[in-house]
């Protein structure tokens, strides 16, 4: 389920409710698949090796995921009654 930021986005999501993901104008933004990001990058930079970009995007996405978990853990510990373990 997408996070709705404003009325314009609600209208956009309604307009593209049945649009295949790769045909949406915001693709690959909603995707957490490194292959989607590598494909989109290489579409605009065809001289770049897709395997290299797949590796780069996989690392970048995982780093963001790990940072999110780390911040969630820090926030939980900073909250009264918080826990030391991220669940």
PDB file of N, CA and C in Angstrom:
ATOM      1  N   UNK A   1       0.840  -1.179   0.000  1.00  0.00           N
ATOM      2  CA  UNK A   1       0.000   0.000   0.000  1.00  0.00           C
ATOM      3  C   UNK A   1       0.886   1.245   0.000  1.00  0.00           C
ATOM      4  N   UNK A   2       0.691   2.139  -0.954  1.00  0.00           N
ATOM      5  CA  UNK A   2       1.528   3.344  -1.005  1.00  0.00           C
ATOM      6  C   UNK A   2       1.191   4.310   0.129  1.00  0.00           C
ATOM      7  N   UNK A   3       2.170   5.081   0.523  1.00  0.00           N
ATOM      8  CA  UNK A   3       1.950   6.137   1.511  1.00  0.00           C
ATOM      9  C   UNK A   3       1.371   7.326   0.762  1.00  0.00           C
ATOM     10  N   UNK A   4       0.224   7.805   1.191  1.00  0.00           N
ATOM     11  CA  UNK A   4      -0.440   8.922   0.523  1.00  0.00           C
ATOM     12  C   UNK A   4       0.055  10.223   1.157  1.00  0.00           C
ATOM     13  N   UNK A   5       0.644  11.078   0.336  1.00  0.00           N
ATOM     14  CA  UNK A   5       1.204  12.326   0.831  1.00  0.00           C
ATOM     15  C   UNK A   5       0.278  13.517   0.629  1.00  0.00           C
ATOM     16  N   UNK A   6      -0.597  13.457  -0.395  1.00  0.00           N
ATOM     17  CA  UNK A   6      -1.488  14.577  -0.653  1.00  0.00           C
ATOM     18  C   UNK A   6      -2.595  14.134  -1.617  1.00  0.00           C
ATOM     19  N   UNK A   7      -3.553  14.999  -1.847  1.00  0.00           N
ATOM     20  CA  UNK A   7      -4.654  14.699  -2.754  1.00  0.00           C
ATOM     21  C   UNK A   7      -4.205  14.416  -4.167  1.00  0.00           C
ATOM     22  N   UNK A   8      -3.163  15.099  -4.633  1.00  0.00           N
ATOM     23  CA  UNK A   8      -2.642  14.838  -5.977  1.00  0.00           C
ATOM     24  C   UNK A   8      -2.154  13.402  -6.096  1.00  0.00           C
ATOM     25  N   UNK A   9      -1.536  12.894  -5.038  1.00  0.00           N
ATOM     26  CA  UNK A   9      -1.042  11.528  -5.094  1.00  0.00           C
ATOM     27  C   UNK A   9      -2.199  10.531  -5.098  1.00  0.00           C
ATOM     28  N   UNK A  10      -3.253  10.832  -4.358  1.00  0.00           N
ATOM     29  CA  UNK A  10      -4.430   9.963  -4.371  1.00  0.00           C
ATOM     30  C   UNK A  10      -4.973   9.863  -5.788  1.00  0.00           C
ATOM     31  N   UNK A  11      -5.078  10.986  -6.466  1.00  0.00           N
ATOM     32  CA  UNK A  11      -5.570  10.990  -7.845  1.00  0.00           C
ATOM     33  C   UNK A  11      -4.617  10.205  -8.758  1.00  0.00           C
ATOM     34  N   UNK A  12      -3.319  10.383  -8.567  1.00  0.00           N
ATOM     35  CA  UNK A  12      -2.321   9.657  -9.360  1.00  0.00           C
ATOM     36  C   UNK A  12      -2.484   8.149  -9.158  1.00  0.00           C
ATOM     37  N   UNK A  13      -2.624   7.716  -7.901  1.00  0.00           N
ATOM     38  CA  UNK A  13      -2.764   6.289  -7.612  1.00  0.00           C
ATOM     39  C   UNK A  13      -4.054   5.731  -8.218  1.00  0.00           C
ATOM     40  N   UNK A  14      -5.110   6.494  -8.173  1.00  0.00           N
ATOM     41  CA  UNK A  14      -6.370   6.056  -8.798  1.00  0.00           C
ATOM     42  C   UNK A  14      -6.199   5.910 -10.307  1.00  0.00           C
ATOM     43  N   UNK A  15      -5.548   6.885 -10.916  1.00  0.00           N
ATOM     44  CA  UNK A  15      -5.347   6.875 -12.363  1.00  0.00           C
ATOM     45  C   UNK A  15      -4.502   5.676 -12.809  1.00  0.00           C
ATOM     46  N   UNK A  16      -3.564   5.262 -11.979  1.00  0.00           N
ATOM     47  CA  UNK A  16      -2.633   4.199 -12.355  1.00  0.00           C
ATOM     48  C   UNK A  16      -2.867   2.896 -11.585  1.00  0.00           C
ATOM     49  N   UNK A  17      -4.056   2.731 -11.022  1.00  0.00           N
ATOM     50  CA  UNK A  17      -4.354   1.542 -10.224  1.00  0.00           C
ATOM     51  C   UNK A  17      -4.163   0.249 -11.011  1.00  0.00           C
ATOM     52  N   UNK A  18      -4.470   0.243 -12.285  1.00  0.00           N
ATOM     53  CA  UNK A  18      -4.357  -0.969 -13.096  1.00  0.00           C
ATOM     54  C   UNK A  18      -3.200  -0.920 -14.095  1.00  0.00           C
ATOM     55  N   UNK A  19      -2.329   0.056 -13.939  1.00  0.00           N
ATOM     56  CA  UNK A  19      -1.174   0.182 -14.821  1.00  0.00           C
ATOM     57  C   UNK A  19      -0.077  -0.771 -14.343  1.00  0.00           C
ATOM     58  N   UNK A  20       0.487  -1.591 -15.244  1.00  0.00           N
ATOM     59  CA  UNK A  20       1.605  -2.448 -14.821  1.00  0.00           C
ATOM     60  C   UNK A  20       2.736  -1.600 -14.238  1.00  0.00           C
ATOM     61  N   UNK A  21       3.409  -2.093 -13.205  1.00  0.00           N
ATOM     62  CA  UNK A  21       4.427  -1.292 -12.515  1.00  0.00           C
ATOM     63  C   UNK A  21       5.452  -0.638 -13.432  1.00  0.00           C
ATOM     64  N   UNK A  22       5.975  -1.361 -14.426  1.00  0.00           N
ATOM     65  CA  UNK A  22       7.020  -0.801 -15.285  1.00  0.00           C
ATOM     66  C   UNK A  22       6.488   0.208 -16.291  1.00  0.00           C
ATOM     67  N   UNK A  23       5.163   0.337 -16.407  1.00  0.00           N
ATOM     68  CA  UNK A  23       4.573   1.315 -17.321  1.00  0.00           C
ATOM     69  C   UNK A  23       4.120   2.583 -16.593  1.00  0.00           C
ATOM     70  N   UNK A  24       4.225   2.577 -15.274  1.00  0.00           N
ATOM     71  CA  UNK A  24       3.858   3.768 -14.504  1.00  0.00           C
ATOM     72  C   UNK A  24       4.932   4.838 -14.676  1.00  0.00           C
ATOM     73  N   UNK A  25       4.546   6.110 -14.718  1.00  0.00           N
ATOM     74  CA  UNK A  25       5.550   7.167 -14.881  1.00  0.00           C
ATOM     75  C   UNK A  25       6.482   7.314 -13.678  1.00  0.00           C
ATOM     76  N   UNK A  26       6.112   6.761 -12.526  1.00  0.00           N
ATOM     77  CA  UNK A  26       6.964   6.868 -11.344  1.00  0.00           C
ATOM     78  C   UNK A  26       7.870   5.649 -11.148  1.00  0.00           C
ATOM     79  N   UNK A  27       7.856   4.707 -12.108  1.00  0.00           N
ATOM     80  CA  UNK A  27       8.708   3.528 -11.983  1.00  0.00           C
ATOM     81  C   UNK A  27      10.163   3.929 -12.179  1.00  0.00           C
ATOM     82  N   UNK A  28      11.097   3.464 -11.419  1.00  0.00           N
ATOM     83  CA  UNK A  28      11.066   2.413 -10.402  1.00  0.00           C
ATOM     84  C   UNK A  28      10.921   2.929  -8.972  1.00  0.00           C
ATOM     85  N   UNK A  29      10.506   4.170  -8.784  1.00  0.00           N
ATOM     86  CA  UNK A  29      10.462   4.766  -7.439  1.00  0.00           C
ATOM     87  C   UNK A  29       9.765   3.891  -6.395  1.00  0.00           C
ATOM     88  N   UNK A  30       8.611   3.259  -6.681  1.00  0.00           N
ATOM     89  CA  UNK A  30       7.970   2.462  -5.634  1.00  0.00           C
ATOM     90  C   UNK A  30       8.632   1.098  -5.392  1.00  0.00           C
ATOM     91  N   UNK A  31       9.617   0.735  -6.188  1.00  0.00           N
ATOM     92  CA  UNK A  31      10.211  -0.598  -6.119  1.00  0.00           C
ATOM     93  C   UNK A  31      11.413  -0.651  -5.185  1.00  0.00           C
ATOM     94  N   UNK A  32      11.523  -1.770  -4.476  1.00  0.00           N
ATOM     95  CA  UNK A  32      12.711  -2.050  -3.672  1.00  0.00           C
ATOM     96  C   UNK A  32      13.504  -3.193  -4.290  1.00  0.00           C
ATOM     97  N   UNK A  33      13.289  -3.424  -5.588  1.00  0.00           N
ATOM     98  CA  UNK A  33      13.990  -4.472  -6.322  1.00  0.00           C
ATOM     99  C   UNK A  33      15.175  -3.845  -7.063  1.00  0.00           C
ATOM    100  N   UNK A  34      16.368  -4.267  -6.710  1.00  0.00           N
ATOM    101  CA  UNK A  34      17.579  -3.708  -7.322  1.00  0.00           C
ATOM    102  C   UNK A  34      17.590  -3.907  -8.830  1.00  0.00           C
ATOM    103  N   UNK A  35      17.000  -4.999  -9.313  1.00  0.00           N
ATOM    104  CA  UNK A  35      16.961  -5.247 -10.753  1.00  0.00           C
ATOM    105  C   UNK A  35      16.135  -4.177 -11.468  1.00  0.00           C
ATOM    106  N   UNK A  36      15.028  -3.752 -10.860  1.00  0.00           N
ATOM    107  CA  UNK A  36      14.226  -2.673 -11.444  1.00  0.00           C
ATOM    108  C   UNK A  36      15.036  -1.392 -11.557  1.00  0.00           C
ATOM    109  N   UNK A  37      15.758  -1.056 -10.494  1.00  0.00           N
ATOM    110  CA  UNK A  37      16.554   0.170 -10.495  1.00  0.00           C
ATOM    111  C   UNK A  37      17.692   0.099 -11.506  1.00  0.00           C
ATOM    112  N   UNK A  38      18.356  -1.068 -11.584  1.00  0.00           N
ATOM    113  CA  UNK A  38      19.442  -1.235 -12.557  1.00  0.00           C
ATOM    114  C   UNK A  38      18.910  -1.126 -13.981  1.00  0.00           C
ATOM    115  N   UNK A  39      17.750  -1.742 -14.232  1.00  0.00           N
ATOM    116  CA  UNK A  39      17.143  -1.675 -15.565  1.00  0.00           C
ATOM    117  C   UNK A  39      16.811  -0.233 -15.949  1.00  0.00           C
ATOM    118  N   UNK A  40      16.201   0.507 -15.020  1.00  0.00           N
ATOM    119  CA  UNK A  40      15.839   1.899 -15.294  1.00  0.00           C
ATOM    120  C   UNK A  40      17.086   2.753 -15.516  1.00  0.00           C
ATOM    121  N   UNK A  41      18.132   2.533 -14.716  1.00  0.00           N
ATOM    122  CA  UNK A  41      19.364   3.302 -14.861  1.00  0.00           C
ATOM    123  C   UNK A  41      19.996   3.041 -16.222  1.00  0.00           C
ATOM    124  N   UNK A  42      20.063   1.766 -16.600  1.00  0.00           N
ATOM    125  CA  UNK A  42      20.696   1.402 -17.872  1.00  0.00           C
ATOM    126  C   UNK A  42      19.863   1.826 -19.080  1.00  0.00           C
ATOM    127  N   UNK A  43      18.575   2.044 -18.872  1.00  0.00           N
ATOM    128  CA  UNK A  43      17.722   2.552 -19.953  1.00  0.00           C
ATOM    129  C   UNK A  43      18.203   3.937 -20.379  1.00  0.00           C
ATOM    130  N   UNK A  44      18.631   4.735 -19.411  1.00  0.00           N
ATOM    131  CA  UNK A  44      19.098   6.095 -19.697  1.00  0.00           C
ATOM    132  C   UNK A  44      20.614   6.176 -19.878  1.00  0.00           C
ATOM    133  N   UNK A  45      21.318   5.125 -19.495  1.00  0.00           N
ATOM    134  CA  UNK A  45      22.779   5.064 -19.616  1.00  0.00           C
ATOM    135  C   UNK A  45      23.153   3.698 -20.193  1.00  0.00           C
ATOM    136  N   UNK A  46      22.827   3.437 -21.470  1.00  0.00           N
ATOM    137  CA  UNK A  46      23.029   2.095 -22.031  1.00  0.00           C
ATOM    138  C   UNK A  46      24.473   1.618 -22.081  1.00  0.00           C
ATOM    139  N   UNK A  47      25.431   2.495 -21.950  1.00  0.00           N
ATOM    140  CA  UNK A  47      26.828   2.060 -22.000  1.00  0.00           C
ATOM    141  C   UNK A  47      27.298   1.465 -20.668  1.00  0.00           C
ATOM    142  N   UNK A  48      26.484   1.594 -19.617  1.00  0.00           N
ATOM    143  CA  UNK A  48      26.854   1.086 -18.300  1.00  0.00           C
ATOM    144  C   UNK A  48      26.434  -0.378 -18.188  1.00  0.00           C
ATOM    145  N   UNK A  49      27.291  -1.203 -17.601  1.00  0.00           N
ATOM    146  CA  UNK A  49      27.017  -2.619 -17.423  1.00  0.00           C
ATOM    147  C   UNK A  49      25.885  -2.822 -16.410  1.00  0.00           C
ATOM    148  N   UNK A  50      24.834  -3.547 -16.826  1.00  0.00           N
ATOM    149  CA  UNK A  50      23.680  -3.754 -15.938  1.00  0.00           C
ATOM    150  C   UNK A  50      24.067  -4.563 -14.707  1.00  0.00           C
ATOM    151  N   UNK A  51      24.967  -5.544 -14.851  1.00  0.00           N
ATOM    152  CA  UNK A  51      25.403  -6.335 -13.698  1.00  0.00           C
ATOM    153  C   UNK A  51      26.075  -5.476 -12.641  1.00  0.00           C
ATOM    154  N   UNK A  52      26.890  -4.532 -13.087  1.00  0.00           N
ATOM    155  CA  UNK A  52      27.539  -3.610 -12.154  1.00  0.00           C
ATOM    156  C   UNK A  52      26.498  -2.766 -11.427  1.00  0.00           C
ATOM    157  N   UNK A  53      25.516  -2.270 -12.175  1.00  0.00           N
ATOM    158  CA  UNK A  53      24.485  -1.427 -11.552  1.00  0.00           C
ATOM    159  C   UNK A  53      23.589  -2.244 -10.626  1.00  0.00           C
ATOM    160  N   UNK A  54      23.325  -3.490 -10.977  1.00  0.00           N
ATOM    161  CA  UNK A  54      22.544  -4.361 -10.101  1.00  0.00           C
ATOM    162  C   UNK A  54      23.253  -4.508  -8.761  1.00  0.00           C
ATOM    163  N   UNK A  55      24.559  -4.728  -8.802  1.00  0.00           N
ATOM    164  CA  UNK A  55      25.351  -4.828  -7.576  1.00  0.00           C
ATOM    165  C   UNK A  55      25.291  -3.528  -6.782  1.00  0.00           C
ATOM    166  N   UNK A  56      25.442  -2.412  -7.474  1.00  0.00           N
ATOM    167  CA  UNK A  56      25.437  -1.116  -6.793  1.00  0.00           C
ATOM    168  C   UNK A  56      24.081  -0.856  -6.132  1.00  0.00           C
ATOM    169  N   UNK A  57      22.994  -1.042  -6.896  1.00  0.00           N
ATOM    170  CA  UNK A  57      21.668  -0.765  -6.338  1.00  0.00           C
ATOM    171  C   UNK A  57      21.297  -1.743  -5.229  1.00  0.00           C
ATOM    172  N   UNK A  58      21.679  -3.006  -5.359  1.00  0.00           N
ATOM    173  CA  UNK A  58      21.399  -3.964  -4.286  1.00  0.00           C
ATOM    174  C   UNK A  58      22.089  -3.523  -2.998  1.00  0.00           C
ATOM    175  N   UNK A  59      23.333  -3.101  -3.114  1.00  0.00           N
ATOM    176  CA  UNK A  59      24.068  -2.625  -1.935  1.00  0.00           C
ATOM    177  C   UNK A  59      23.431  -1.367  -1.354  1.00  0.00           C
ATOM    178  N   UNK A  60      23.060  -0.432  -2.218  1.00  0.00           N
ATOM    179  CA  UNK A  60      22.464   0.824  -1.746  1.00  0.00           C
ATOM    180  C   UNK A  60      21.122   0.577  -1.063  1.00  0.00           C
ATOM    181  N   UNK A  61      20.288  -0.263  -1.660  1.00  0.00           N
ATOM    182  CA  UNK A  61      18.986  -0.560  -1.060  1.00  0.00           C
ATOM    183  C   UNK A  61      19.144  -1.277   0.278  1.00  0.00           C
ATOM    184  N   UNK A  62      20.069  -2.226   0.349  1.00  0.00           N
ATOM    185  CA  UNK A  62      20.283  -2.951   1.600  1.00  0.00           C
ATOM    186  C   UNK A  62      20.835  -2.028   2.670  1.00  0.00           C
ATOM    187  N   UNK A  63      21.715  -1.125   2.283  1.00  0.00           N
ATOM    188  CA  UNK A  63      22.270  -0.156   3.253  1.00  0.00           C
ATOM    189  C   UNK A  63      21.154   0.710   3.822  1.00  0.00           C
ATOM    190  N   UNK A  64      20.226   1.139   2.962  1.00  0.00           N
ATOM    191  CA  UNK A  64      19.093   1.921   3.437  1.00  0.00           C
ATOM    192  C   UNK A  64      18.203   1.118   4.368  1.00  0.00           C
ATOM    193  N   UNK A  65      17.978  -0.143   4.031  1.00  0.00           N
ATOM    194  CA  UNK A  65      17.175  -1.022   4.881  1.00  0.00           C
ATOM    195  C   UNK A  65      17.829  -1.183   6.255  1.00  0.00           C
ATOM    196  N   UNK A  66      19.138  -1.472   6.249  1.00  0.00           N
ATOM    197  CA  UNK A  66      19.869  -1.631   7.504  1.00  0.00           C
ATOM    198  C   UNK A  66      19.834  -0.361   8.347  1.00  0.00           C
ATOM    199  N   UNK A  67      19.979   0.789   7.705  1.00  0.00           N
ATOM    200  CA  UNK A  67      19.936   2.060   8.434  1.00  0.00           C
ATOM    201  C   UNK A  67      18.560   2.277   9.044  1.00  0.00           C
ATOM    202  N   UNK A  68      17.508   1.925   8.313  1.00  0.00           N
ATOM    203  CA  UNK A  68      16.153   2.051   8.857  1.00  0.00           C
ATOM    204  C   UNK A  68      15.966   1.214  10.109  1.00  0.00           C
ATOM    205  N   UNK A  69      16.457  -0.031  10.082  1.00  0.00           N
ATOM    206  CA  UNK A  69      16.360  -0.890  11.264  1.00  0.00           C
ATOM    207  C   UNK A  69      17.176  -0.322  12.417  1.00  0.00           C
ATOM    208  N   UNK A  70      18.358   0.184  12.128  1.00  0.00           N
ATOM    209  CA  UNK A  70      19.198   0.752  13.189  1.00  0.00           C
ATOM    210  C   UNK A  70      18.529   1.961  13.825  1.00  0.00           C
ATOM    211  N   UNK A  71      17.938   2.821  13.011  1.00  0.00           N
ATOM    212  CA  UNK A  71      17.254   4.001  13.553  1.00  0.00           C
ATOM    213  C   UNK A  71      16.027   3.600  14.349  1.00  0.00           C
ATOM    214  N   UNK A  72      15.304   2.600  13.886  1.00  0.00           N
ATOM    215  CA  UNK A  72      14.128   2.126  14.622  1.00  0.00           C
ATOM    216  C   UNK A  72      14.550   1.615  15.999  1.00  0.00           C
ATOM    217  N   UNK A  73      15.673   0.926  16.050  1.00  0.00           N
ATOM    218  CA  UNK A  73      16.174   0.428  17.329  1.00  0.00           C
ATOM    219  C   UNK A  73      16.589   1.551  18.252  1.00  0.00           C
ATOM    220  N   UNK A  74      17.265   2.561  17.707  1.00  0.00           N
ATOM    221  CA  UNK A  74      17.666   3.711  18.533  1.00  0.00           C
ATOM    222  C   UNK A  74      16.439   4.451  19.045  1.00  0.00           C
ATOM    223  N   UNK A  75      15.432   4.616  18.195  1.00  0.00           N
ATOM    224  CA  UNK A  75      14.220   5.320  18.613  1.00  0.00           C
ATOM    225  C   UNK A  75      13.468   4.533  19.673  1.00  0.00           C
ATOM    226  N   UNK A  76      13.430   3.213  19.552  1.00  0.00           N
ATOM    227  CA  UNK A  76      12.738   2.388  20.546  1.00  0.00           C
ATOM    228  C   UNK A  76      13.425   2.503  21.899  1.00  0.00           C
ATOM    229  N   UNK A  77      14.764   2.505  21.897  1.00  0.00           N
ATOM    230  CA  UNK A  77      15.497   2.612  23.168  1.00  0.00           C
ATOM    231  C   UNK A  77      15.374   3.999  23.776  1.00  0.00           C
ATOM    232  N   UNK A  78      15.169   5.028  22.943  1.00  0.00           N
ATOM    233  CA  UNK A  78      15.059   6.392  23.446  1.00  0.00           C
ATOM    234  C   UNK A  78      13.669   6.687  23.992  1.00  0.00           C
ATOM    235  N   UNK A  79      12.711   5.841  23.685  1.00  0.00           N
ATOM    236  CA  UNK A  79      11.330   6.040  24.137  1.00  0.00           C
ATOM    237  C   UNK A  79      11.158   5.410  25.516  1.00  0.00           C
ATOM    238  N   UNK A  80      10.506   6.120  26.445  1.00  0.00           N
ATOM    239  CA  UNK A  80      10.251   5.502  27.754  1.00  0.00           C
ATOM    240  C   UNK A  80       9.518   4.177  27.582  1.00  0.00           C
ATOM    241  N   UNK A  81      10.032   3.150  28.220  1.00  0.00           N
ATOM    242  CA  UNK A  81       9.446   1.820  28.106  1.00  0.00           C
ATOM    243  C   UNK A  81       9.896   1.103  26.849  1.00  0.00           C
ATOM    244  N   UNK A  82      10.853   1.716  26.106  1.00  0.00           N
ATOM    245  CA  UNK A  82      11.348   1.111  24.867  1.00  0.00           C
ATOM    246  C   UNK A  82      12.154  -0.139  25.156  1.00  0.00           C
ATOM    247  N   UNK A  83      12.490  -0.830  24.108  1.00  0.00           N
ATOM    248  CA  UNK A  83      13.223  -2.083  24.243  1.00  0.00           C
ATOM    249  C   UNK A  83      14.611  -1.948  23.629  1.00  0.00           C
ATOM    250  N   UNK A  84      15.523  -2.774  24.082  1.00  0.00           N
ATOM    251  CA  UNK A  84      16.869  -2.781  23.491  1.00  0.00           C
ATOM    252  C   UNK A  84      16.914  -3.580  22.210  1.00  0.00           C
ATOM    253  N   UNK A  85      15.911  -4.393  21.949  1.00  0.00           N
ATOM    254  CA  UNK A  85      15.907  -5.241  20.744  1.00  0.00           C
ATOM    255  C   UNK A  85      14.901  -4.701  19.742  1.00  0.00           C
ATOM    256  N   UNK A  86      15.284  -4.697  18.494  1.00  0.00           N
ATOM    257  CA  UNK A  86      14.370  -4.322  17.414  1.00  0.00           C
ATOM    258  C   UNK A  86      13.603  -5.559  17.038  1.00  0.00           C
ATOM    259  N   UNK A  87      12.308  -5.436  16.978  1.00  0.00           N
ATOM    260  CA  UNK A  87      11.490  -6.619  16.654  1.00  0.00           C
ATOM    261  C   UNK A  87      11.099  -6.621  15.225  1.00  0.00           C
TER     262      UNK A  87
END
